[in-house]
Amino acid sequence: MDWKTIYMVVAREAGPLLSFLKVAVPIVISVIALWISLRDRRPRLTLKARSGEEWYKLKPTEMKDQVAFIGIVEVYNVSSRANAIRDYRFLRKCEGGWREMESALYSSPLGDGSKEISNPTPFTLAPYSGAEVRVLAFTPKPQPYEMEVMIEVADLFGKTYHVIVKAVS
């Protein structure tokens, strides 16, 4: 017996089963894919602090009455739905708990004529993507050597996410 004869015998004996599997397997795969895509429609962002002290700095302002917190945070959209950052909130840790810092959309000119934007809103994120975001906030003096800062962002749907970083002078 050669392989063609064996194939014909197996195909003839298992015909109804193969016909059923040809229909059932694609339906099962489609139902599983639909369930996953509907389940994954929930908005979810992930904030990640960059490792190392060089990413989060404390610097005195030009008027010397405030301290500026400057940094970069990574934001990832881990959902199949597009999302956007609509608000930032910064809190610094002190003896009595967490105190709010001043923040808004800031832009500062660079040497080549372009602008560096901090706390951009709205900041859109495509599904399953990520980006780095410059953050900037101010707090009154005195300037500590190091300070814990909680960066909190609100997404388009009102859900909040946060990450705690340590800034140094």
Foldseek 3Di string as FASTA:
>chain_A
DDPVVVVVVVCVVCVVVVVVCVPPVVVVVVVVVVVVQVVQQDWDKDKAADDDQVFWAWDADPVRFKIKIKGKIKMWTAGQDKKWWADKWKWWQDDVGTDTWAFDWDWDADPVGDIDIAPDPGGIDHHGDMDMGIHMTIDGDDDDQKIKMKMWTAMPVGDIDIDIDMHGD
